[in-house]
mmCIF file of all heavy atoms, coordinates in Angstrom:
data_MODEL
# 
_entry.id   MODEL 
# 
loop_
_atom_site.group_PDB 
_atom_site.id 
_atom_site.type_symbol 
_atom_site.label_atom_id 
_atom_site.label_alt_id 
_atom_site.label_comp_id 
_atom_site.label_asym_id 
_atom_site.label_entity_id 
_atom_site.label_seq_id 
_atom_site.pdbx_PDB_ins_code 
_atom_site.Cartn_x 
_atom_site.Cartn_y 
_atom_site.Cartn_z 
_atom_site.occupancy 
_atom_site.B_iso_or_equiv 
_atom_site.pdbx_formal_charge 
_atom_site.auth_seq_id 
_atom_site.auth_comp_id 
_atom_site.auth_asym_id 
_atom_site.auth_atom_id 
_atom_site.pdbx_PDB_model_num 
ATOM 1   N N   . ARG A 1 1  ? 0.836  -1.197 0.000  1.00 0.00 ? 1  ARG A N   1 
ATOM 2   C CA  . ARG A 1 1  ? 0.000  0.000  0.000  1.00 0.00 ? 1  ARG A CA  1 
ATOM 3   C C   . ARG A 1 1  ? 0.875  1.252  0.000  1.00 0.00 ? 1  ARG A C   1 
ATOM 4   O O   . ARG A 1 1  ? 2.056  1.207  0.331  1.00 0.00 ? 1  ARG A O   1 
ATOM 5   C CB  . ARG A 1 1  ? -0.929 -0.025 1.211  1.00 0.00 ? 1  ARG A CB  1 
ATOM 6   C CG  . ARG A 1 1  ? -1.897 -1.223 1.101  1.00 0.00 ? 1  ARG A CG  1 
ATOM 7   C CD  . ARG A 1 1  ? -2.779 -1.383 2.272  1.00 0.00 ? 1  ARG A CD  1 
ATOM 8   N NE  . ARG A 1 1  ? -3.825 -0.358 2.272  1.00 0.00 ? 1  ARG A NE  1 
ATOM 9   C CZ  . ARG A 1 1  ? -4.677 -0.219 3.281  1.00 0.00 ? 1  ARG A CZ  1 
ATOM 10  N NH1 . ARG A 1 1  ? -4.632 -1.009 4.334  1.00 0.00 ? 1  ARG A NH1 1 
ATOM 11  N NH2 . ARG A 1 1  ? -5.602 0.721  3.223  1.00 0.00 ? 1  ARG A NH2 1 
ATOM 12  N N   . ALA A 1 2  ? 0.271  2.380  -0.357 1.00 0.00 ? 2  ALA A N   1 
ATOM 13  C CA  . ALA A 1 2  ? 0.983  3.661  -0.432 1.00 0.00 ? 2  ALA A CA  1 
ATOM 14  C C   . ALA A 1 2  ? 0.806  4.423  0.873  1.00 0.00 ? 2  ALA A C   1 
ATOM 15  O O   . ALA A 1 2  ? -0.311 4.610  1.348  1.00 0.00 ? 2  ALA A O   1 
ATOM 16  C CB  . ALA A 1 2  ? 0.458  4.490  -1.592 1.00 0.00 ? 2  ALA A CB  1 
ATOM 17  N N   . ILE A 1 3  ? 1.909  4.868  1.430  1.00 0.00 ? 3  ILE A N   1 
ATOM 18  C CA  . ILE A 1 3  ? 1.917  5.590  2.699  1.00 0.00 ? 3  ILE A CA  1 
ATOM 19  C C   . ILE A 1 3  ? 2.584  6.942  2.480  1.00 0.00 ? 3  ILE A C   1 
ATOM 20  O O   . ILE A 1 3  ? 3.604  7.033  1.798  1.00 0.00 ? 3  ILE A O   1 
ATOM 21  C CB  . ILE A 1 3  ? 2.708  4.805  3.770  1.00 0.00 ? 3  ILE A CB  1 
ATOM 22  C CG1 . ILE A 1 3  ? 2.090  3.421  3.952  1.00 0.00 ? 3  ILE A CG1 1 
ATOM 23  C CG2 . ILE A 1 3  ? 2.770  5.566  5.082  1.00 0.00 ? 3  ILE A CG2 1 
ATOM 24  C CD1 . ILE A 1 3  ? 3.046  2.415  4.539  1.00 0.00 ? 3  ILE A CD1 1 
ATOM 25  N N   . ARG A 1 4  ? 1.979  7.977  3.041  1.00 0.00 ? 4  ARG A N   1 
ATOM 26  C CA  . ARG A 1 4  ? 2.609  9.299  3.048  1.00 0.00 ? 4  ARG A CA  1 
ATOM 27  C C   . ARG A 1 4  ? 2.840  9.701  4.488  1.00 0.00 ? 4  ARG A C   1 
ATOM 28  O O   . ARG A 1 4  ? 1.941  9.607  5.324  1.00 0.00 ? 4  ARG A O   1 
ATOM 29  C CB  . ARG A 1 4  ? 1.737  10.339 2.346  1.00 0.00 ? 4  ARG A CB  1 
ATOM 30  C CG  . ARG A 1 4  ? 1.785  10.189 0.832  1.00 0.00 ? 4  ARG A CG  1 
ATOM 31  C CD  . ARG A 1 4  ? 0.825  11.095 0.111  1.00 0.00 ? 4  ARG A CD  1 
ATOM 32  N NE  . ARG A 1 4  ? 1.040  12.507 0.380  1.00 0.00 ? 4  ARG A NE  1 
ATOM 33  C CZ  . ARG A 1 4  ? 0.112  13.435 0.168  1.00 0.00 ? 4  ARG A CZ  1 
ATOM 34  N NH1 . ARG A 1 4  ? -1.088 13.099 -0.299 1.00 0.00 ? 4  ARG A NH1 1 
ATOM 35  N NH2 . ARG A 1 4  ? 0.362  14.687 0.400  1.00 0.00 ? 4  ARG A NH2 1 
ATOM 36  N N   . THR A 1 5  ? 4.044  10.164 4.737  1.00 0.00 ? 5  THR A N   1 
ATOM 37  C CA  . THR A 1 5  ? 4.401  10.646 6.065  1.00 0.00 ? 5  THR A CA  1 
ATOM 38  C C   . THR A 1 5  ? 4.787  12.115 5.957  1.00 0.00 ? 5  THR A C   1 
ATOM 39  O O   . THR A 1 5  ? 4.906  12.666 4.858  1.00 0.00 ? 5  THR A O   1 
ATOM 40  C CB  . THR A 1 5  ? 5.590  9.854  6.650  1.00 0.00 ? 5  THR A CB  1 
ATOM 41  O OG1 . THR A 1 5  ? 6.773  10.171 5.908  1.00 0.00 ? 5  THR A OG1 1 
ATOM 42  C CG2 . THR A 1 5  ? 5.337  8.348  6.630  1.00 0.00 ? 5  THR A CG2 1 
ATOM 43  N N   . VAL A 1 6  ? 5.017  12.726 7.091  1.00 0.00 ? 6  VAL A N   1 
ATOM 44  C CA  . VAL A 1 6  ? 5.382  14.143 7.109  1.00 0.00 ? 6  VAL A CA  1 
ATOM 45  C C   . VAL A 1 6  ? 6.653  14.404 6.308  1.00 0.00 ? 6  VAL A C   1 
ATOM 46  O O   . VAL A 1 6  ? 6.805  15.475 5.718  1.00 0.00 ? 6  VAL A O   1 
ATOM 47  C CB  . VAL A 1 6  ? 5.493  14.651 8.568  1.00 0.00 ? 6  VAL A CB  1 
ATOM 48  C CG1 . VAL A 1 6  ? 6.711  14.067 9.278  1.00 0.00 ? 6  VAL A CG1 1 
ATOM 49  C CG2 . VAL A 1 6  ? 5.456  16.162 8.620  1.00 0.00 ? 6  VAL A CG2 1 
ATOM 50  N N   . GLU A 1 7  ? 7.542  13.419 6.232  1.00 0.00 ? 7  GLU A N   1 
ATOM 51  C CA  . GLU A 1 7  ? 8.772  13.609 5.468  1.00 0.00 ? 7  GLU A CA  1 
ATOM 52  C C   . GLU A 1 7  ? 8.492  13.788 3.977  1.00 0.00 ? 7  GLU A C   1 
ATOM 53  O O   . GLU A 1 7  ? 9.322  14.324 3.254  1.00 0.00 ? 7  GLU A O   1 
ATOM 54  C CB  . GLU A 1 7  ? 9.716  12.398 5.639  1.00 0.00 ? 7  GLU A CB  1 
ATOM 55  C CG  . GLU A 1 7  ? 10.363 12.306 7.004  1.00 0.00 ? 7  GLU A CG  1 
ATOM 56  C CD  . GLU A 1 7  ? 9.569  11.448 7.981  1.00 0.00 ? 7  GLU A CD  1 
ATOM 57  O OE1 . GLU A 1 7  ? 8.391  11.125 7.700  1.00 0.00 ? 7  GLU A OE1 1 
ATOM 58  O OE2 . GLU A 1 7  ? 10.123 11.095 9.033  1.00 0.00 ? 7  GLU A OE2 1 
ATOM 59  N N   . GLY A 1 8  ? 7.326  13.351 3.519  1.00 0.00 ? 8  GLY A N   1 
ATOM 60  C CA  . GLY A 1 8  ? 6.990  13.444 2.109  1.00 0.00 ? 8  GLY A CA  1 
ATOM 61  C C   . GLY A 1 8  ? 6.234  14.700 1.712  1.00 0.00 ? 8  GLY A C   1 
ATOM 62  O O   . GLY A 1 8  ? 5.836  14.831 0.554  1.00 0.00 ? 8  GLY A O   1 
ATOM 63  N N   . LEU A 1 9  ? 6.032  15.628 2.640  1.00 0.00 ? 9  LEU A N   1 
ATOM 64  C CA  . LEU A 1 9  ? 5.256  16.829 2.308  1.00 0.00 ? 9  LEU A CA  1 
ATOM 65  C C   . LEU A 1 9  ? 6.055  17.885 1.555  1.00 0.00 ? 9  LEU A C   1 
ATOM 66  O O   . LEU A 1 9  ? 5.539  18.516 0.641  1.00 0.00 ? 9  LEU A O   1 
ATOM 67  C CB  . LEU A 1 9  ? 4.658  17.446 3.573  1.00 0.00 ? 9  LEU A CB  1 
ATOM 68  C CG  . LEU A 1 9  ? 3.584  16.631 4.284  1.00 0.00 ? 9  LEU A CG  1 
ATOM 69  C CD1 . LEU A 1 9  ? 3.058  17.393 5.493  1.00 0.00 ? 9  LEU A CD1 1 
ATOM 70  C CD2 . LEU A 1 9  ? 2.454  16.264 3.337  1.00 0.00 ? 9  LEU A CD2 1 
ATOM 71  N N   . ALA A 1 10 ? 7.291  18.106 1.929  1.00 0.00 ? 10 ALA A N   1 
ATOM 72  C CA  . ALA A 1 10 ? 8.099  19.135 1.272  1.00 0.00 ? 10 ALA A CA  1 
ATOM 73  C C   . ALA A 1 10 ? 8.531  18.664 -0.104 1.00 0.00 ? 10 ALA A C   1 
ATOM 74  O O   . ALA A 1 10 ? 8.565  17.462 -0.391 1.00 0.00 ? 10 ALA A O   1 
ATOM 75  C CB  . ALA A 1 10 ? 9.325  19.463 2.125  1.00 0.00 ? 10 ALA A CB  1 
ATOM 76  N N   . ALA A 1 11 ? 8.868  19.599 -0.959 1.00 0.00 ? 11 ALA A N   1 
ATOM 77  C CA  . ALA A 1 11 ? 9.389  19.274 -2.283 1.00 0.00 ? 11 ALA A CA  1 
ATOM 78  C C   . ALA A 1 11 ? 10.764 18.607 -2.121 1.00 0.00 ? 11 ALA A C   1 
ATOM 79  O O   . ALA A 1 11 ? 11.424 18.784 -1.095 1.00 0.00 ? 11 ALA A O   1 
ATOM 80  C CB  . ALA A 1 11 ? 9.510  20.550 -3.112 1.00 0.00 ? 11 ALA A CB  1 
ATOM 81  N N   . PRO A 1 12 ? 11.211 17.858 -3.129 1.00 0.00 ? 12 PRO A N   1 
ATOM 82  C CA  . PRO A 1 12 ? 12.521 17.198 -3.038 1.00 0.00 ? 12 PRO A CA  1 
ATOM 83  C C   . PRO A 1 12 ? 13.675 18.152 -2.736 1.00 0.00 ? 12 PRO A C   1 
ATOM 84  O O   . PRO A 1 12 ? 14.650 17.764 -2.103 1.00 0.00 ? 12 PRO A O   1 
ATOM 85  C CB  . PRO A 1 12 ? 12.694 16.544 -4.417 1.00 0.00 ? 12 PRO A CB  1 
ATOM 86  C CG  . PRO A 1 12 ? 11.298 16.309 -4.888 1.00 0.00 ? 12 PRO A CG  1 
ATOM 87  C CD  . PRO A 1 12 ? 10.497 17.475 -4.350 1.00 0.00 ? 12 PRO A CD  1 
ATOM 88  N N   . ASP A 1 13 ? 13.543 19.408 -3.150 1.00 0.00 ? 13 ASP A N   1 
ATOM 89  C CA  . ASP A 1 13 ? 14.616 20.377 -2.866 1.00 0.00 ? 13 ASP A CA  1 
ATOM 90  C C   . ASP A 1 13 ? 14.493 20.998 -1.474 1.00 0.00 ? 13 ASP A C   1 
ATOM 91  O O   . ASP A 1 13 ? 15.262 21.873 -1.108 1.00 0.00 ? 13 ASP A O   1 
ATOM 92  C CB  . ASP A 1 13 ? 14.649 21.469 -3.936 1.00 0.00 ? 13 ASP A CB  1 
ATOM 93  C CG  . ASP A 1 13 ? 13.437 22.389 -3.897 1.00 0.00 ? 13 ASP A CG  1 
ATOM 94  O OD1 . ASP A 1 13 ? 12.529 22.190 -3.067 1.00 0.00 ? 13 ASP A OD1 1 
ATOM 95  O OD2 . ASP A 1 13 ? 13.400 23.332 -4.722 1.00 0.00 ? 13 ASP A OD2 1 
ATOM 96  N N   . GLY A 1 14 ? 13.493 20.546 -0.699 1.00 0.00 ? 14 GLY A N   1 
ATOM 97  C CA  . GLY A 1 14 ? 13.318 21.046 0.660  1.00 0.00 ? 14 GLY A CA  1 
ATOM 98  C C   . GLY A 1 14 ? 12.354 22.207 0.791  1.00 0.00 ? 14 GLY A C   1 
ATOM 99  O O   . GLY A 1 14 ? 12.095 22.673 1.900  1.00 0.00 ? 14 GLY A O   1 
ATOM 100 N N   . THR A 1 15 ? 11.819 22.684 -0.327 1.00 0.00 ? 15 THR A N   1 
ATOM 101 C CA  . THR A 1 15 ? 10.853 23.776 -0.282 1.00 0.00 ? 15 THR A CA  1 
ATOM 102 C C   . THR A 1 15 ? 9.600  23.307 0.442  1.00 0.00 ? 15 THR A C   1 
ATOM 103 O O   . THR A 1 15 ? 9.034  22.264 0.113  1.00 0.00 ? 15 THR A O   1 
ATOM 104 C CB  . THR A 1 15 ? 10.482 24.235 -1.713 1.00 0.00 ? 15 THR A CB  1 
ATOM 105 O OG1 . THR A 1 15 ? 11.668 24.631 -2.388 1.00 0.00 ? 15 THR A OG1 1 
ATOM 106 C CG2 . THR A 1 15 ? 9.493  25.387 -1.671 1.00 0.00 ? 15 THR A CG2 1 
ATOM 107 N N   . LEU A 1 16 ? 9.177  24.078 1.432  1.00 0.00 ? 16 LEU A N   1 
ATOM 108 C CA  . LEU A 1 16 ? 7.991  23.709 2.202  1.00 0.00 ? 16 LEU A CA  1 
ATOM 109 C C   . LEU A 1 16 ? 6.739  23.836 1.354  1.00 0.00 ? 16 LEU A C   1 
ATOM 110 O O   . LEU A 1 16 ? 6.632  24.733 0.515  1.00 0.00 ? 16 LEU A O   1 
ATOM 111 C CB  . LEU A 1 16 ? 7.862  24.607 3.432  1.00 0.00 ? 16 LEU A CB  1 
ATOM 112 C CG  . LEU A 1 16 ? 9.010  24.559 4.434  1.00 0.00 ? 16 LEU A CG  1 
ATOM 113 C CD1 . LEU A 1 16 ? 8.723  25.521 5.592  1.00 0.00 ? 16 LEU A CD1 1 
ATOM 114 C CD2 . LEU A 1 16 ? 9.258  23.158 4.946  1.00 0.00 ? 16 LEU A CD2 1 
ATOM 115 N N   . ASN A 1 17 ? 5.779  22.947 1.584  1.00 0.00 ? 17 ASN A N   1 
ATOM 116 C CA  . ASN A 1 17 ? 4.506  23.081 0.892  1.00 0.00 ? 17 ASN A CA  1 
ATOM 117 C C   . ASN A 1 17 ? 3.678  24.170 1.588  1.00 0.00 ? 17 ASN A C   1 
ATOM 118 O O   . ASN A 1 17 ? 4.073  24.662 2.653  1.00 0.00 ? 17 ASN A O   1 
ATOM 119 C CB  . ASN A 1 17 ? 3.778  21.728 0.777  1.00 0.00 ? 17 ASN A CB  1 
ATOM 120 C CG  . ASN A 1 17 ? 3.105  21.264 2.046  1.00 0.00 ? 17 ASN A CG  1 
ATOM 121 O OD1 . ASN A 1 17 ? 2.969  21.992 3.031  1.00 0.00 ? 17 ASN A OD1 1 
ATOM 122 N ND2 . ASN A 1 17 ? 2.663  20.023 2.044  1.00 0.00 ? 17 ASN A ND2 1 
ATOM 123 N N   . PRO A 1 18 ? 2.551  24.598 1.016  1.00 0.00 ? 18 PRO A N   1 
ATOM 124 C CA  . PRO A 1 18 ? 1.787  25.699 1.610  1.00 0.00 ? 18 PRO A CA  1 
ATOM 125 C C   . PRO A 1 18 ? 1.370  25.454 3.063  1.00 0.00 ? 18 PRO A C   1 
ATOM 126 O O   . PRO A 1 18 ? 1.377  26.382 3.873  1.00 0.00 ? 18 PRO A O   1 
ATOM 127 C CB  . PRO A 1 18 ? 0.564  25.818 0.700  1.00 0.00 ? 18 PRO A CB  1 
ATOM 128 C CG  . PRO A 1 18 ? 1.045  25.337 -0.625 1.00 0.00 ? 18 PRO A CG  1 
ATOM 129 C CD  . PRO A 1 18 ? 2.003  24.210 -0.301 1.00 0.00 ? 18 PRO A CD  1 
ATOM 130 N N   . LEU A 1 19 ? 1.032  24.227 3.402  1.00 0.00 ? 19 LEU A N   1 
ATOM 131 C CA  . LEU A 1 19 ? 0.620  23.930 4.775  1.00 0.00 ? 19 LEU A CA  1 
ATOM 132 C C   . LEU A 1 19 ? 1.799  24.039 5.733  1.00 0.00 ? 19 LEU A C   1 
ATOM 133 O O   . LEU A 1 19 ? 1.692  24.667 6.794  1.00 0.00 ? 19 LEU A O   1 
ATOM 134 C CB  . LEU A 1 19 ? -0.014 22.540 4.843  1.00 0.00 ? 19 LEU A CB  1 
ATOM 135 C CG  . LEU A 1 19 ? -0.562 22.111 6.194  1.00 0.00 ? 19 LEU A CG  1 
ATOM 136 C CD1 . LEU A 1 19 ? -1.658 23.068 6.675  1.00 0.00 ? 19 LEU A CD1 1 
ATOM 137 C CD2 . LEU A 1 19 ? -1.099 20.690 6.108  1.00 0.00 ? 19 LEU A CD2 1 
ATOM 138 N N   . GLN A 1 20 ? 2.921  23.468 5.372  1.00 0.00 ? 20 GLN A N   1 
ATOM 139 C CA  . GLN A 1 20 ? 4.110  23.575 6.219  1.00 0.00 ? 20 GLN A CA  1 
ATOM 140 C C   . GLN A 1 20 ? 4.522  25.031 6.393  1.00 0.00 ? 20 GLN A C   1 
ATOM 141 O O   . GLN A 1 20 ? 4.867  25.464 7.501  1.00 0.00 ? 20 GLN A O   1 
ATOM 142 C CB  . GLN A 1 20 ? 5.269  22.785 5.611  1.00 0.00 ? 20 GLN A CB  1 
ATOM 143 C CG  . GLN A 1 20 ? 5.085  21.295 5.632  1.00 0.00 ? 20 GLN A CG  1 
ATOM 144 C CD  . GLN A 1 20 ? 6.167  20.603 4.835  1.00 0.00 ? 20 GLN A CD  1 
ATOM 145 O OE1 . GLN A 1 20 ? 6.344  20.872 3.650  1.00 0.00 ? 20 GLN A OE1 1 
ATOM 146 N NE2 . GLN A 1 20 ? 6.886  19.714 5.489  1.00 0.00 ? 20 GLN A NE2 1 
ATOM 147 N N   . ARG A 1 21 ? 4.494  25.772 5.292  1.00 0.00 ? 21 ARG A N   1 
ATOM 148 C CA  . ARG A 1 21 ? 4.858  27.195 5.342  1.00 0.00 ? 21 ARG A CA  1 
ATOM 149 C C   . ARG A 1 21 ? 3.903  27.963 6.246  1.00 0.00 ? 21 ARG A C   1 
ATOM 150 O O   . ARG A 1 21 ? 4.316  28.816 7.037  1.00 0.00 ? 21 ARG A O   1 
ATOM 151 C CB  . ARG A 1 21 ? 4.878  27.770 3.920  1.00 0.00 ? 21 ARG A CB  1 
ATOM 152 C CG  . ARG A 1 21 ? 5.558  29.096 3.813  1.00 0.00 ? 21 ARG A CG  1 
ATOM 153 C CD  . ARG A 1 21 ? 5.752  29.569 2.370  1.00 0.00 ? 21 ARG A CD  1 
ATOM 154 N NE  . ARG A 1 21 ? 4.525  29.568 1.585  1.00 0.00 ? 21 ARG A NE  1 
ATOM 155 C CZ  . ARG A 1 21 ? 4.229  28.672 0.646  1.00 0.00 ? 21 ARG A CZ  1 
ATOM 156 N NH1 . ARG A 1 21 ? 5.067  27.692 0.369  1.00 0.00 ? 21 ARG A NH1 1 
ATOM 157 N NH2 . ARG A 1 21 ? 3.098  28.749 -0.025 1.00 0.00 ? 21 ARG A NH2 1 
ATOM 158 N N   . ALA A 1 22 ? 2.603  27.632 6.172  1.00 0.00 ? 22 ALA A N   1 
ATOM 159 C CA  . ALA A 1 22 ? 1.614  28.312 7.018  1.00 0.00 ? 22 ALA A CA  1 
ATOM 160 C C   . ALA A 1 22 ? 1.853  28.001 8.496  1.00 0.00 ? 22 ALA A C   1 
ATOM 161 O O   . ALA A 1 22 ? 1.691  28.885 9.341  1.00 0.00 ? 22 ALA A O   1 
ATOM 162 C CB  . ALA A 1 22 ? 0.203  27.916 6.601  1.00 0.00 ? 22 ALA A CB  1 
ATOM 163 N N   . PHE A 1 23 ? 2.238  26.777 8.816  1.00 0.00 ? 23 PHE A N   1 
ATOM 164 C CA  . PHE A 1 23 ? 2.567  26.442 10.210 1.00 0.00 ? 23 PHE A CA  1 
ATOM 165 C C   . PHE A 1 23 ? 3.751  27.273 10.671 1.00 0.00 ? 23 PHE A C   1 
ATOM 166 O O   . PHE A 1 23 ? 3.761  27.788 11.790 1.00 0.00 ? 23 PHE A O   1 
ATOM 167 C CB  . PHE A 1 23 ? 2.870  24.946 10.357 1.00 0.00 ? 23 PHE A CB  1 
ATOM 168 C CG  . PHE A 1 23 ? 1.697  24.131 10.830 1.00 0.00 ? 23 PHE A CG  1 
ATOM 169 C CD1 . PHE A 1 23 ? 0.612  23.904 10.001 1.00 0.00 ? 23 PHE A CD1 1 
ATOM 170 C CD2 . PHE A 1 23 ? 1.677  23.581 12.097 1.00 0.00 ? 23 PHE A CD2 1 
ATOM 171 C CE1 . PHE A 1 23 ? -0.467 23.158 10.411 1.00 0.00 ? 23 PHE A CE1 1 
ATOM 172 C CE2 . PHE A 1 23 ? 0.598  22.836 12.530 1.00 0.00 ? 23 PHE A CE2 1 
ATOM 173 C CZ  . PHE A 1 23 ? -0.479 22.618 11.694 1.00 0.00 ? 23 PHE A CZ  1 
ATOM 174 N N   . TRP A 1 24 ? 4.749  27.419 9.817  1.00 0.00 ? 24 TRP A N   1 
ATOM 175 C CA  . TRP A 1 24 ? 5.941  28.205 10.147 1.00 0.00 ? 24 TRP A CA  1 
ATOM 176 C C   . TRP A 1 24 ? 5.568  29.686 10.340 1.00 0.00 ? 24 TRP A C   1 
ATOM 177 O O   . TRP A 1 24 ? 5.918  30.293 11.351 1.00 0.00 ? 24 TRP A O   1 
ATOM 178 C CB  . TRP A 1 24 ? 6.963  28.047 9.026  1.00 0.00 ? 24 TRP A CB  1 
ATOM 179 C CG  . TRP A 1 24 ? 8.187  28.887 9.190  1.00 0.00 ? 24 TRP A CG  1 
ATOM 180 C CD1 . TRP A 1 24 ? 8.384  30.152 8.718  1.00 0.00 ? 24 TRP A CD1 1 
ATOM 181 C CD2 . TRP A 1 24 ? 9.374  28.534 9.881  1.00 0.00 ? 24 TRP A CD2 1 
ATOM 182 N NE1 . TRP A 1 24 ? 9.617  30.607 9.071  1.00 0.00 ? 24 TRP A NE1 1 
ATOM 183 C CE2 . TRP A 1 24 ? 10.258 29.633 9.791  1.00 0.00 ? 24 TRP A CE2 1 
ATOM 184 C CE3 . TRP A 1 24 ? 9.788  27.402 10.570 1.00 0.00 ? 24 TRP A CE3 1 
ATOM 185 C CZ2 . TRP A 1 24 ? 11.524 29.613 10.351 1.00 0.00 ? 24 TRP A CZ2 1 
ATOM 186 C CZ3 . TRP A 1 24 ? 11.061 27.397 11.125 1.00 0.00 ? 24 TRP A CZ3 1 
ATOM 187 C CH2 . TRP A 1 24 ? 11.899 28.487 11.018 1.00 0.00 ? 24 TRP A CH2 1 
ATOM 188 N N   . GLU A 1 25 ? 4.865  30.239 9.386  1.00 0.00 ? 25 GLU A N   1 
ATOM 189 C CA  . GLU A 1 25 ? 4.550  31.667 9.409  1.00 0.00 ? 25 GLU A CA  1 
ATOM 190 C C   . GLU A 1 25 ? 3.556  32.044 10.494 1.00 0.00 ? 25 GLU A C   1 
ATOM 191 O O   . GLU A 1 25 ? 3.558  33.183 10.965 1.00 0.00 ? 25 GLU A O   1 
ATOM 192 C CB  . GLU A 1 25 ? 4.005  32.099 8.045  1.00 0.00 ? 25 GLU A CB  1 
ATOM 193 C CG  . GLU A 1 25 ? 5.049  32.048 6.949  1.00 0.00 ? 25 GLU A CG  1 
ATOM 194 C CD  . GLU A 1 25 ? 4.484  32.224 5.548  1.00 0.00 ? 25 GLU A CD  1 
ATOM 195 O OE1 . GLU A 1 25 ? 3.228  32.275 5.397  1.00 0.00 ? 25 GLU A OE1 1 
ATOM 196 O OE2 . GLU A 1 25 ? 5.296  32.304 4.602  1.00 0.00 ? 25 GLU A OE2 1 
ATOM 197 N N   . ASN A 1 26 ? 2.685  31.117 10.893 1.00 0.00 ? 26 ASN A N   1 
ATOM 198 C CA  . ASN A 1 26 ? 1.650  31.416 11.888 1.00 0.00 ? 26 ASN A CA  1 
ATOM 199 C C   . ASN A 1 26 ? 1.926  30.794 13.250 1.00 0.00 ? 26 ASN A C   1 
ATOM 200 O O   . ASN A 1 26 ? 1.031  30.719 14.080 1.00 0.00 ? 26 ASN A O   1 
ATOM 201 C CB  . ASN A 1 26 ? 0.285  30.953 11.358 1.00 0.00 ? 26 ASN A CB  1 
ATOM 202 C CG  . ASN A 1 26 ? -0.151 31.761 10.172 1.00 0.00 ? 26 ASN A CG  1 
ATOM 203 O OD1 . ASN A 1 26 ? -0.598 32.886 10.317 1.00 0.00 ? 26 ASN A OD1 1 
ATOM 204 N ND2 . ASN A 1 26 ? -0.004 31.203 8.978  1.00 0.00 ? 26 ASN A ND2 1 
ATOM 205 N N   . HIS A 1 27 ? 3.145  30.359 13.451 1.00 0.00 ? 27 HIS A N   1 
ATOM 206 C CA  . HIS A 1 27 ? 3.561  29.797 14.747 1.00 0.00 ? 27 HIS A CA  1 
ATOM 207 C C   . HIS A 1 27 ? 2.629  28.673 15.185 1.00 0.00 ? 27 HIS A C   1 
ATOM 208 O O   . HIS A 1 27 ? 2.182  28.632 16.326 1.00 0.00 ? 27 HIS A O   1 
ATOM 209 C CB  . HIS A 1 27 ? 3.656  30.902 15.808 1.00 0.00 ? 27 HIS A CB  1 
ATOM 210 C CG  . HIS A 1 27 ? 4.433  32.081 15.357 1.00 0.00 ? 27 HIS A CG  1 
ATOM 211 N ND1 . HIS A 1 27 ? 5.799  32.077 15.249 1.00 0.00 ? 27 HIS A ND1 1 
ATOM 212 C CD2 . HIS A 1 27 ? 4.016  33.303 14.927 1.00 0.00 ? 27 HIS A CD2 1 
ATOM 213 C CE1 . HIS A 1 27 ? 6.213  33.248 14.789 1.00 0.00 ? 27 HIS A CE1 1 
ATOM 214 N NE2 . HIS A 1 27 ? 5.160  34.016 14.583 1.00 0.00 ? 27 HIS A NE2 1 
ATOM 215 N N   . GLY A 1 28 ? 2.359  27.739 14.266 1.00 0.00 ? 28 GLY A N   1 
ATOM 216 C CA  . GLY A 1 28 ? 1.442  26.641 14.538 1.00 0.00 ? 28 GLY A CA  1 
ATOM 217 C C   . GLY A 1 28 ? 2.070  25.494 15.301 1.00 0.00 ? 28 GLY A C   1 
ATOM 218 O O   . GLY A 1 28 ? 1.527  24.404 15.325 1.00 0.00 ? 28 GLY A O   1 
ATOM 219 N N   . LEU A 1 29 ? 3.213  25.742 15.914 1.00 0.00 ? 29 LEU A N   1 
ATOM 220 C CA  . LEU A 1 29 ? 3.855  24.697 16.703 1.00 0.00 ? 29 LEU A CA  1 
ATOM 221 C C   . LEU A 1 29 ? 4.634  25.335 17.839 1.00 0.00 ? 29 LEU A C   1 
ATOM 222 O O   . LEU A 1 29 ? 5.006  26.497 17.775 1.00 0.00 ? 29 LEU A O   1 
ATOM 223 C CB  . LEU A 1 29 ? 4.795  23.848 15.835 1.00 0.00 ? 29 LEU A CB  1 
ATOM 224 C CG  . LEU A 1 29 ? 5.903  24.622 15.122 1.00 0.00 ? 29 LEU A CG  1 
ATOM 225 C CD1 . LEU A 1 29 ? 7.231  24.407 15.796 1.00 0.00 ? 29 LEU A CD1 1 
ATOM 226 C CD2 . LEU A 1 29 ? 5.948  24.205 13.675 1.00 0.00 ? 29 LEU A CD2 1 
# 
């Protein structure tokens, strides 16, 4: 089966996806 984990969210070059970027910019952690 196909599994996606948090490690698979960013682009291969490390660019954050919109959700990751929003967590960073809005202090979601």
